[in-house]
N, C-alpha and C. Protein backbone atom coordinates (compact mmCIF):
# COMPACT_ATOMS: atom_id res chain seq x y z
N MET A 1 -0.06 -46.39 -9.26
CA MET A 1 0.96 -46.70 -8.22
C MET A 1 0.03 -48.20 -7.66
N LYS A 2 0.79 -49.08 -7.64
CA LYS A 2 0.35 -50.91 -7.29
C LYS A 2 0.90 -50.70 -6.45
N PRO A 3 -0.42 -51.41 -5.42
CA PRO A 3 -0.57 -51.76 -4.13
C PRO A 3 0.47 -52.36 -3.34
N GLU A 4 1.57 -52.87 -3.95
CA GLU A 4 2.94 -53.23 -3.29
C GLU A 4 3.79 -51.98 -3.63
N ASP A 5 4.20 -51.46 -4.27
CA ASP A 5 4.71 -50.44 -4.31
C ASP A 5 4.42 -49.21 -3.06
N PHE A 6 3.33 -49.14 -2.98
CA PHE A 6 2.70 -48.40 -1.40
C PHE A 6 3.07 -48.89 -0.24
N LEU A 7 3.05 -50.72 -0.08
CA LEU A 7 3.39 -51.29 0.82
C LEU A 7 5.23 -51.57 0.62
N ALA A 8 5.63 -51.22 -0.19
CA ALA A 8 7.02 -51.21 0.35
C ALA A 8 7.72 -50.31 1.13
N GLN A 9 6.76 -48.70 1.53
CA GLN A 9 7.22 -47.64 2.42
C GLN A 9 7.96 -47.98 3.49
N LYS A 10 8.32 -47.84 4.34
CA LYS A 10 8.64 -48.08 5.43
C LYS A 10 7.74 -47.06 6.59
N ARG A 11 7.62 -46.05 6.51
CA ARG A 11 6.85 -45.26 7.55
C ARG A 11 5.22 -44.74 6.45
N ILE A 12 4.62 -45.01 7.16
CA ILE A 12 3.15 -45.29 6.96
C ILE A 12 2.12 -44.53 8.11
N ALA A 13 1.03 -43.73 7.97
CA ALA A 13 0.04 -43.35 9.07
C ALA A 13 -0.22 -43.87 8.22
N VAL A 14 -1.46 -43.53 9.41
CA VAL A 14 -3.45 -44.99 9.18
C VAL A 14 -4.14 -43.43 9.96
N ALA A 15 -5.04 -42.75 9.06
CA ALA A 15 -6.19 -42.07 9.52
C ALA A 15 -6.95 -42.54 9.87
N GLY A 16 -7.49 -42.33 10.74
CA GLY A 16 -8.96 -43.04 11.21
C GLY A 16 -8.87 -44.00 12.34
N VAL A 17 -7.81 -43.75 12.76
CA VAL A 17 -7.80 -44.82 14.36
C VAL A 17 -8.60 -44.78 15.24
N SER A 18 -9.42 -45.83 15.37
CA SER A 18 -10.53 -45.40 16.86
C SER A 18 -10.43 -45.36 18.13
N ARG A 19 -10.31 -45.22 18.68
CA ARG A 19 -10.58 -44.40 20.05
C ARG A 19 -10.79 -46.26 20.97
N ARG A 20 -11.51 -47.05 19.77
CA ARG A 20 -12.26 -47.53 20.98
C ARG A 20 -11.88 -48.68 20.97
N GLY A 21 -10.36 -48.65 20.08
CA GLY A 21 -9.34 -50.03 20.39
C GLY A 21 -9.56 -51.03 19.44
N GLY A 22 -11.05 -52.10 19.08
CA GLY A 22 -11.35 -52.98 18.70
C GLY A 22 -11.07 -53.17 16.99
N ASP A 23 -10.98 -54.14 17.37
CA ASP A 23 -10.45 -54.64 15.72
C ASP A 23 -11.57 -54.33 14.56
N ASP A 24 -13.19 -53.94 15.17
CA ASP A 24 -14.83 -54.55 14.95
C ASP A 24 -13.54 -52.76 13.46
N VAL A 25 -12.94 -51.90 13.46
CA VAL A 25 -13.02 -51.13 13.16
C VAL A 25 -11.70 -51.17 12.13
N ALA A 26 -11.65 -50.84 10.74
CA ALA A 26 -10.73 -51.01 9.55
C ALA A 26 -9.29 -50.77 9.90
N ALA A 27 -9.53 -49.23 10.21
CA ALA A 27 -8.28 -48.53 10.42
C ALA A 27 -7.37 -48.89 11.39
N ASN A 28 -8.30 -50.01 12.57
CA ASN A 28 -7.05 -50.26 13.95
C ASN A 28 -6.56 -51.60 12.54
N ARG A 29 -7.08 -52.28 12.30
CA ARG A 29 -7.10 -53.82 11.57
C ARG A 29 -5.23 -53.15 11.06
N ILE A 30 -5.39 -52.21 10.28
CA ILE A 30 -4.19 -51.45 8.76
C ILE A 30 -3.50 -51.26 9.93
N TYR A 31 -4.44 -50.46 10.99
CA TYR A 31 -2.61 -50.34 12.02
C TYR A 31 -1.68 -51.42 12.49
N ARG A 32 -2.39 -51.91 12.72
CA ARG A 32 -1.67 -53.38 13.91
C ARG A 32 -1.32 -54.55 12.83
N ARG A 33 -1.64 -54.83 11.64
CA ARG A 33 -1.11 -55.36 10.67
C ARG A 33 0.00 -54.77 9.73
N LEU A 34 0.32 -53.10 9.68
CA LEU A 34 1.24 -52.97 9.54
C LEU A 34 2.76 -52.92 10.50
N LYS A 35 1.61 -52.37 11.61
CA LYS A 35 2.92 -52.35 13.00
C LYS A 35 3.79 -53.70 12.70
N LYS A 36 3.20 -55.25 12.11
CA LYS A 36 3.50 -56.71 12.84
C LYS A 36 4.33 -56.93 11.16
N THR A 37 4.30 -56.47 10.28
CA THR A 37 4.88 -56.25 8.97
C THR A 37 5.92 -55.90 9.15
N GLY A 38 6.35 -54.58 10.03
CA GLY A 38 7.33 -54.54 10.11
C GLY A 38 7.25 -52.67 9.91
N HIS A 39 6.99 -52.52 9.33
CA HIS A 39 6.21 -51.04 9.07
C HIS A 39 6.70 -50.22 10.31
N ASP A 40 7.11 -48.83 10.19
CA ASP A 40 6.87 -47.89 11.53
C ASP A 40 5.82 -47.01 11.20
N VAL A 41 4.60 -47.33 11.95
CA VAL A 41 3.77 -46.94 11.22
C VAL A 41 2.82 -45.88 12.78
N PHE A 42 2.09 -44.46 12.17
CA PHE A 42 1.65 -43.69 12.57
C PHE A 42 0.17 -44.05 13.18
N ALA A 43 -0.79 -43.47 14.30
CA ALA A 43 -1.72 -43.22 13.89
C ALA A 43 -1.86 -42.04 14.11
N ILE A 44 -3.49 -41.41 13.04
CA ILE A 44 -3.46 -39.89 13.62
C ILE A 44 -5.17 -40.12 13.77
N ASN A 45 -5.35 -39.34 14.50
CA ASN A 45 -6.54 -39.36 14.93
C ASN A 45 -6.59 -37.81 16.38
N PRO A 46 -7.69 -37.23 15.69
CA PRO A 46 -7.48 -35.80 16.57
C PRO A 46 -7.83 -35.62 18.02
N ASN A 47 -8.54 -36.86 18.16
CA ASN A 47 -9.29 -37.09 19.27
C ASN A 47 -8.56 -37.77 20.37
N THR A 48 -7.27 -37.90 19.81
CA THR A 48 -6.81 -38.77 21.37
C THR A 48 -4.73 -38.87 21.66
N THR A 49 -4.84 -39.17 22.29
CA THR A 49 -2.83 -39.04 22.13
C THR A 49 -2.72 -40.59 21.90
N THR A 50 -3.05 -41.48 22.16
CA THR A 50 -2.74 -42.65 22.23
C THR A 50 -3.43 -43.87 21.46
N PHE A 51 -2.91 -44.86 20.87
CA PHE A 51 -3.79 -46.03 20.48
C PHE A 51 -2.67 -46.66 20.81
N ASP A 52 -2.88 -47.99 20.84
CA ASP A 52 -2.38 -49.05 21.03
C ASP A 52 -1.08 -48.53 22.34
N ASP A 53 -0.90 -48.01 22.98
CA ASP A 53 -0.07 -47.22 23.84
C ASP A 53 1.26 -47.17 23.38
N ASP A 54 0.59 -46.61 21.40
CA ASP A 54 1.69 -45.75 20.71
C ASP A 54 1.07 -43.78 20.82
N ARG A 55 1.53 -43.12 20.62
CA ARG A 55 1.44 -42.04 20.28
C ARG A 55 0.87 -41.50 19.21
N CYS A 56 -0.56 -40.91 19.53
CA CYS A 56 -1.53 -41.09 18.47
C CYS A 56 -1.60 -39.62 18.03
N TYR A 57 -1.31 -39.18 16.45
CA TYR A 57 -1.06 -37.68 16.16
C TYR A 57 -2.35 -37.46 15.55
N PRO A 58 -2.61 -36.11 16.07
CA PRO A 58 -3.32 -35.24 15.44
C PRO A 58 -4.16 -34.78 14.24
N SER A 59 -3.14 -34.92 13.06
CA SER A 59 -2.85 -34.84 11.95
C SER A 59 -1.99 -34.99 10.94
N VAL A 60 -1.89 -35.21 9.91
CA VAL A 60 -0.21 -35.57 9.05
C VAL A 60 0.91 -34.53 9.54
N ARG A 61 0.38 -33.43 9.49
CA ARG A 61 1.34 -32.44 9.55
C ARG A 61 2.46 -32.69 10.78
N ALA A 62 1.56 -33.08 11.84
CA ALA A 62 2.28 -33.38 13.75
C ALA A 62 3.00 -34.31 13.55
N ILE A 63 3.86 -35.44 12.82
CA ILE A 63 3.85 -36.62 12.52
C ILE A 63 5.67 -35.70 12.63
N PRO A 64 6.42 -36.31 13.27
CA PRO A 64 8.26 -35.77 13.16
C PRO A 64 8.73 -36.39 12.46
N ASP A 65 9.62 -36.01 11.33
CA ASP A 65 10.47 -36.73 10.37
C ASP A 65 9.50 -37.01 9.13
N GLY A 66 8.31 -37.00 9.43
CA GLY A 66 6.83 -37.12 8.11
C GLY A 66 7.44 -38.65 8.06
N VAL A 67 6.25 -38.63 6.87
CA VAL A 67 5.96 -40.50 6.75
C VAL A 67 5.91 -40.04 4.71
N ASP A 68 6.01 -41.76 4.84
CA ASP A 68 6.16 -42.36 3.18
C ASP A 68 4.86 -41.92 2.23
N GLY A 69 3.91 -42.22 3.23
CA GLY A 69 2.33 -42.55 2.35
C GLY A 69 1.62 -42.85 3.80
N VAL A 70 0.61 -42.56 3.62
CA VAL A 70 -0.78 -42.55 3.87
C VAL A 70 -1.96 -43.15 3.65
N VAL A 71 -2.44 -43.98 4.42
CA VAL A 71 -3.63 -44.98 4.64
C VAL A 71 -4.53 -43.99 5.27
N ILE A 72 -5.91 -43.49 4.31
CA ILE A 72 -6.63 -42.78 5.16
C ILE A 72 -8.43 -43.48 5.07
N VAL A 73 -8.67 -44.16 6.73
CA VAL A 73 -10.26 -44.70 6.69
C VAL A 73 -10.77 -43.36 7.78
N THR A 74 -11.36 -42.76 6.76
CA THR A 74 -12.04 -42.19 7.46
C THR A 74 -13.20 -41.80 6.17
N ARG A 75 -14.24 -40.91 7.05
CA ARG A 75 -15.40 -40.84 6.19
C ARG A 75 -14.96 -39.62 4.81
N PRO A 76 -15.34 -39.78 3.29
CA PRO A 76 -14.80 -38.91 2.39
C PRO A 76 -14.82 -36.79 2.47
N GLU A 77 -15.41 -37.33 3.39
CA GLU A 77 -15.08 -35.78 3.13
C GLU A 77 -13.90 -35.15 4.29
N THR A 78 -13.61 -36.03 5.25
CA THR A 78 -12.22 -36.23 5.76
C THR A 78 -11.50 -35.94 4.73
N THR A 79 -11.66 -37.31 4.56
CA THR A 79 -10.34 -37.54 3.08
C THR A 79 -9.70 -35.98 2.29
N GLU A 80 -11.15 -35.25 1.96
CA GLU A 80 -10.19 -34.26 1.56
C GLU A 80 -9.65 -33.15 2.14
N GLN A 81 -9.56 -33.07 3.21
CA GLN A 81 -8.61 -32.45 4.54
C GLN A 81 -7.72 -32.63 3.91
N ILE A 82 -7.32 -34.59 4.52
CA ILE A 82 -6.24 -34.60 4.85
C ILE A 82 -5.52 -35.10 3.54
N VAL A 83 -6.07 -34.85 2.44
CA VAL A 83 -5.10 -35.03 0.97
C VAL A 83 -4.59 -33.81 0.64
N HIS A 84 -5.18 -32.90 1.04
CA HIS A 84 -4.98 -31.40 1.57
C HIS A 84 -3.65 -31.18 2.32
N GLU A 85 -3.37 -31.82 3.54
CA GLU A 85 -2.67 -31.71 4.02
C GLU A 85 -1.38 -32.83 3.59
N CYS A 86 -1.25 -34.26 3.05
CA CYS A 86 -0.29 -34.41 2.77
C CYS A 86 0.26 -33.42 1.87
N HIS A 87 -0.14 -32.89 1.01
CA HIS A 87 -0.02 -32.29 0.14
C HIS A 87 0.95 -30.89 0.63
N ASP A 88 0.93 -30.37 2.03
CA ASP A 88 1.66 -29.41 2.44
C ASP A 88 2.66 -29.93 2.80
N ALA A 89 2.47 -31.40 3.44
CA ALA A 89 3.44 -31.58 3.82
C ALA A 89 4.22 -32.80 3.27
N GLY A 90 4.19 -32.56 1.63
CA GLY A 90 5.10 -33.09 0.45
C GLY A 90 5.14 -34.57 1.31
N ILE A 91 4.01 -35.13 1.29
CA ILE A 91 3.11 -36.79 0.95
C ILE A 91 3.05 -37.09 -0.16
N ARG A 92 3.71 -37.53 -0.86
CA ARG A 92 3.59 -37.97 -2.10
C ARG A 92 2.29 -39.68 -2.31
N ARG A 93 2.35 -39.97 -1.65
CA ARG A 93 1.42 -41.46 -1.55
C ARG A 93 0.09 -41.67 -0.31
N VAL A 94 -0.55 -41.64 -1.06
CA VAL A 94 -2.12 -41.88 -0.39
C VAL A 94 -2.96 -43.38 -0.95
N TRP A 95 -3.19 -43.62 0.50
CA TRP A 95 -4.41 -44.58 0.04
C TRP A 95 -5.71 -44.58 0.35
N MET A 96 -7.06 -44.64 -0.54
CA MET A 96 -8.04 -44.09 0.63
C MET A 96 -8.94 -45.89 0.68
N HIS A 97 -9.06 -45.91 1.65
CA HIS A 97 -9.47 -47.72 2.19
C HIS A 97 -11.11 -47.38 1.43
N ARG A 98 -11.25 -48.64 1.06
CA ARG A 98 -12.78 -48.64 0.28
C ARG A 98 -13.18 -50.55 1.13
N SER A 99 -14.06 -50.68 1.18
CA SER A 99 -14.32 -51.76 1.61
C SER A 99 -15.70 -52.59 0.09
N LEU A 100 -15.78 -53.41 0.50
CA LEU A 100 -17.13 -53.62 -0.28
C LEU A 100 -17.84 -53.50 -0.17
N GLY A 101 -19.05 -53.12 -0.97
CA GLY A 101 -20.39 -52.31 -0.77
C GLY A 101 -20.22 -50.81 -0.84
N SER A 102 -21.49 -50.13 -0.44
CA SER A 102 -21.22 -48.50 -0.42
C SER A 102 -20.56 -48.23 0.79
N ASP A 103 -21.05 -48.96 2.21
CA ASP A 103 -20.79 -48.47 3.02
C ASP A 103 -19.00 -48.24 3.27
N GLY A 104 -18.51 -47.68 4.39
CA GLY A 104 -17.23 -47.78 4.52
C GLY A 104 -16.26 -47.65 3.34
N SER A 105 -16.26 -46.31 2.69
CA SER A 105 -15.36 -45.97 1.69
C SER A 105 -15.22 -44.81 2.18
N SER A 106 -13.92 -44.33 2.21
CA SER A 106 -13.35 -43.16 2.55
C SER A 106 -12.57 -42.52 1.07
N VAL A 107 -13.31 -43.09 -0.34
CA VAL A 107 -12.76 -42.18 -1.40
C VAL A 107 -13.61 -41.49 -1.45
N SER A 108 -13.21 -39.95 -2.16
CA SER A 108 -13.41 -38.44 -2.14
C SER A 108 -13.33 -38.84 -4.30
N PRO A 109 -14.43 -38.38 -4.71
CA PRO A 109 -13.89 -38.14 -6.17
C PRO A 109 -13.03 -37.04 -5.78
N ARG A 110 -13.43 -35.39 -5.34
CA ARG A 110 -12.88 -35.06 -5.47
C ARG A 110 -11.46 -34.52 -4.79
N ALA A 111 -11.11 -35.75 -3.74
CA ALA A 111 -9.44 -36.11 -3.01
C ALA A 111 -9.16 -36.99 -3.79
N VAL A 112 -9.45 -37.67 -4.73
CA VAL A 112 -8.39 -38.19 -5.63
C VAL A 112 -8.30 -37.18 -6.93
N GLU A 113 -9.02 -36.73 -7.55
CA GLU A 113 -8.70 -35.31 -8.32
C GLU A 113 -7.68 -34.36 -7.84
N TYR A 114 -7.62 -33.77 -6.57
CA TYR A 114 -6.93 -33.23 -5.84
C TYR A 114 -5.55 -34.21 -6.01
N CYS A 115 -5.68 -35.30 -5.67
CA CYS A 115 -4.02 -35.84 -6.05
C CYS A 115 -3.62 -35.59 -7.18
N ARG A 116 -4.48 -36.74 -7.73
CA ARG A 116 -3.86 -36.35 -9.53
C ARG A 116 -3.08 -35.00 -9.66
N GLN A 117 -4.66 -33.67 -9.24
CA GLN A 117 -3.73 -32.51 -9.49
C GLN A 117 -2.39 -31.91 -9.13
N HIS A 118 -2.12 -32.73 -7.97
CA HIS A 118 -1.08 -31.83 -6.42
C HIS A 118 -0.13 -33.11 -6.72
N GLY A 119 0.35 -34.45 -7.99
CA GLY A 119 1.51 -35.19 -7.93
C GLY A 119 1.30 -36.35 -6.73
N ILE A 120 -0.06 -36.37 -5.99
CA ILE A 120 -0.14 -37.32 -4.95
C ILE A 120 -0.58 -38.48 -5.98
N ASP A 121 0.43 -39.39 -5.86
CA ASP A 121 0.56 -41.12 -6.36
C ASP A 121 -1.02 -41.52 -5.76
N VAL A 122 -1.91 -41.54 -5.90
CA VAL A 122 -3.59 -42.36 -5.20
C VAL A 122 -3.44 -43.56 -5.48
N ILE A 123 -3.78 -44.60 -4.59
CA ILE A 123 -4.75 -45.59 -4.52
C ILE A 123 -6.55 -45.17 -3.89
N SER A 124 -7.50 -45.67 -4.94
CA SER A 124 -8.42 -45.86 -4.34
C SER A 124 -9.39 -46.12 -4.29
N ASN A 125 -9.16 -47.75 -3.92
CA ASN A 125 -9.77 -48.62 -4.13
C ASN A 125 -9.69 -49.65 -3.04
N GLY A 126 -9.82 -50.45 -2.78
CA GLY A 126 -9.68 -51.96 -1.64
C GLY A 126 -8.87 -51.69 -0.62
N CYS A 127 -7.78 -52.45 -0.62
CA CYS A 127 -7.52 -52.07 1.40
C CYS A 127 -6.19 -52.74 1.61
N PRO A 128 -5.10 -52.18 2.64
CA PRO A 128 -4.36 -52.67 1.92
C PRO A 128 -3.91 -54.07 3.01
N MET A 129 -4.95 -54.70 3.18
CA MET A 129 -4.57 -55.69 3.98
C MET A 129 -5.10 -56.96 3.08
N MET A 130 -5.22 -56.77 1.52
CA MET A 130 -5.29 -57.51 0.57
C MET A 130 -3.82 -57.70 0.36
N PHE A 131 -2.99 -57.01 0.27
CA PHE A 131 -1.57 -57.18 -0.20
C PHE A 131 -1.20 -58.09 0.55
N GLY A 132 0.36 -57.97 0.23
CA GLY A 132 1.50 -58.82 1.33
C GLY A 132 1.49 -59.73 2.21
N PRO A 133 2.46 -59.90 3.07
CA PRO A 133 2.70 -61.17 3.82
C PRO A 133 1.52 -61.04 4.77
N GLY A 134 0.77 -62.51 4.91
CA GLY A 134 0.21 -62.24 6.51
C GLY A 134 -1.20 -62.11 5.68
N ALA A 135 -1.58 -61.67 4.33
CA ALA A 135 -3.15 -61.55 4.16
C ALA A 135 -3.71 -62.95 4.38
N ASP A 136 -4.95 -62.33 4.66
CA ASP A 136 -5.60 -63.45 5.35
C ASP A 136 -6.49 -63.83 4.18
N PHE A 137 -7.19 -64.86 4.61
CA PHE A 137 -8.14 -65.65 3.42
C PHE A 137 -9.34 -64.68 2.76
N GLY A 138 -10.08 -64.01 3.68
CA GLY A 138 -11.53 -63.22 3.43
C GLY A 138 -10.58 -61.89 2.43
N HIS A 139 -9.07 -61.49 3.11
CA HIS A 139 -8.93 -60.36 1.97
C HIS A 139 -8.20 -61.01 0.30
N THR A 140 -7.63 -62.09 0.82
CA THR A 140 -7.16 -62.29 -0.89
C THR A 140 -8.54 -62.69 -1.67
N CYS A 141 -9.59 -63.34 -1.15
CA CYS A 141 -10.71 -63.14 -1.43
C CYS A 141 -11.05 -62.32 -2.59
N MET A 142 -11.27 -61.18 -1.21
CA MET A 142 -12.02 -60.14 -2.00
C MET A 142 -10.86 -59.45 -2.92
N ARG A 143 -10.02 -59.47 -2.94
CA ARG A 143 -8.64 -59.03 -4.35
C ARG A 143 -8.85 -59.71 -5.01
N TRP A 144 -9.21 -60.83 -4.93
CA TRP A 144 -9.62 -61.68 -6.60
C TRP A 144 -10.96 -61.55 -6.83
N ILE A 145 -11.83 -61.47 -6.35
CA ILE A 145 -13.18 -60.76 -6.81
C ILE A 145 -13.26 -59.47 -7.28
N LEU A 146 -12.51 -58.34 -7.17
CA LEU A 146 -12.08 -57.22 -7.04
C LEU A 146 -11.31 -57.54 -8.71
N THR A 147 -9.93 -58.22 -8.39
CA THR A 147 -9.44 -58.36 -9.55
C THR A 147 -10.18 -58.84 -10.68
N LEU A 148 -10.59 -59.77 -10.26
CA LEU A 148 -11.76 -60.41 -11.64
C LEU A 148 -12.75 -59.05 -12.31
N LYS A 149 -12.93 -58.06 -11.60
CA LYS A 149 -14.36 -57.68 -11.48
C LYS A 149 -13.55 -56.56 -12.43
N GLY A 150 -12.35 -56.08 -12.56
CA GLY A 150 -11.66 -55.39 -12.77
C GLY A 150 -11.78 -53.96 -12.38
N ASP A 151 -11.66 -53.82 -11.31
CA ASP A 151 -12.29 -53.43 -9.52
C ASP A 151 -10.59 -52.86 -9.42
N LEU A 152 -9.77 -53.05 -9.54
CA LEU A 152 -8.47 -53.34 -8.31
C LEU A 152 -7.48 -52.68 -9.51
């Protein structure tokens, strides 16, 4: 699945938003960007009930009427749990966020393999903020570098 195809979906959940609410957390920035670009976006964090004055859900399954895709910005071991929830909820598109460097990766090889075995389209590299309208200069440069390296 191409990133553009993932971002063409209307209802997208972001797992891993932080209660702190700051822009220093990738999930928070992704949530706000998707909202700004007109998506129906849903925050997921089992430890809070609101994010940016919007309802925050404890899990993928708790979102009324489901979603078209889920961006996962959590630790890899949590990613594995979330892809199982996606399968159970009938969600067929997942993006596992990955920053440059070894820190900041939500990618779990076991979760990627689970997705492939269960018919879930998975993106396991990069950041949704590297694509679509409003991509900032830094994310555009990261997309270019990752594309040159063959990592995207």
